[in-house]
């Protein structure tokens, strides 16, 4: 396994662990991978892989986020967030 493949595998493994805990946005995954020191091309490949596999979807994340919070908060509070 080349170092590029190894980096990709480690980045995917971290992203899977993050997504196993709760849904995340593309930006959240990018930020976490960047903080862990992954290079931008590795991050881009990881994001593309997760999106193609259906594990990362910002539209679904936003719908779920609003649905979860609308049970506790009113429309004004949601607009402010």
Protein backbone atom coordinates (compact mmCIF):
# COMPACT_ATOMS: atom_id res chain seq x y z
CA UNK A 1 0.00 0.00 0.00
CA UNK A 2 1.45 3.36 -1.02
CA UNK A 3 1.56 6.30 1.37
CA UNK A 4 -1.26 7.98 -0.60
CA UNK A 5 -3.46 4.89 -0.23
CA UNK A 6 -2.52 4.69 3.44
CA UNK A 7 -3.45 8.34 4.00
CA UNK A 8 -6.73 7.83 2.18
CA UNK A 9 -7.54 4.77 4.28
CA UNK A 10 -6.72 6.59 7.54
CA UNK A 11 -8.79 9.63 6.52
CA UNK A 12 -11.76 7.42 5.59
CA UNK A 13 -11.46 5.51 8.86
CA UNK A 14 -11.53 8.75 10.86
CA UNK A 15 -14.47 10.08 8.85
CA UNK A 16 -16.41 6.84 9.40
CA UNK A 17 -15.78 7.08 13.15
CA UNK A 18 -17.03 10.68 13.19
CA UNK A 19 -20.13 9.81 11.18
CA UNK A 20 -20.87 6.80 13.38
CA UNK A 21 -21.41 9.13 16.34
CA UNK A 22 -23.73 11.57 14.59
CA UNK A 23 -24.54 13.08 11.21
CA UNK A 24 -22.05 15.68 10.06
CA UNK A 25 -21.83 18.26 7.31
CA UNK A 26 -19.15 18.27 4.62
CA UNK A 27 -17.59 21.29 6.30
CA UNK A 28 -17.39 19.53 9.68
CA UNK A 29 -15.63 16.52 8.14
CA UNK A 30 -13.25 18.80 6.22
CA UNK A 31 -12.40 20.74 9.38
CA UNK A 32 -11.75 17.60 11.43
CA UNK A 33 -9.56 16.02 8.76
CA UNK A 34 -7.64 19.29 8.34
CA UNK A 35 -7.04 19.50 12.11
CA UNK A 36 -5.71 15.95 12.02
CA UNK A 37 -3.15 17.01 9.40
CA UNK A 38 -4.49 15.40 6.23
CA UNK A 39 -3.55 17.04 2.94
CA UNK A 40 -6.26 18.78 0.88
CA UNK A 41 -6.20 16.18 -1.94
CA UNK A 42 -6.72 13.37 0.60
CA UNK A 43 -9.59 15.29 2.18
CA UNK A 44 -11.19 15.91 -1.23
CA UNK A 45 -10.97 12.21 -2.16
CA UNK A 46 -12.40 11.21 1.21
CA UNK A 47 -15.33 13.64 0.90
CA UNK A 48 -16.03 12.44 -2.65
CA UNK A 49 -15.94 8.80 -1.49
CA UNK A 50 -18.34 9.47 1.39
CA UNK A 51 -20.75 11.40 -0.83
CA UNK A 52 -20.71 8.69 -3.52
CA UNK A 53 -21.43 6.06 -0.87
CA UNK A 54 -24.32 8.14 0.51
CA UNK A 55 -22.74 8.67 3.92
CA UNK A 56 -22.32 12.43 3.54
CA UNK A 57 -25.19 14.56 2.26
CA UNK A 58 -25.48 18.22 3.29
CA UNK A 59 -29.12 18.51 2.18
CA UNK A 60 -30.13 15.50 4.30
CA UNK A 61 -28.01 16.82 7.19
CA UNK A 62 -29.81 20.19 7.04
CA UNK A 63 -33.27 18.59 6.92
CA UNK A 64 -32.45 16.34 9.88
CA UNK A 65 -30.92 19.24 11.82
CA UNK A 66 -34.03 21.40 11.38
CA UNK A 67 -36.37 18.51 12.17
CA UNK A 68 -34.51 17.68 15.39
CA UNK A 69 -34.48 21.27 16.60
CA UNK A 70 -37.99 22.23 15.51
CA UNK A 71 -39.37 19.93 18.18
CA UNK A 72 -37.65 22.07 20.85
CA UNK A 73 -37.47 25.53 19.32
CA UNK A 74 -39.73 27.86 17.39
CA UNK A 75 -39.21 29.21 13.89
CA UNK A 76 -37.51 32.41 15.04
CA UNK A 77 -34.87 30.55 16.99
CA UNK A 78 -34.20 28.24 14.05
CA UNK A 79 -33.80 31.19 11.70
CA UNK A 80 -31.26 32.76 14.07
CA UNK A 81 -29.22 29.57 14.20
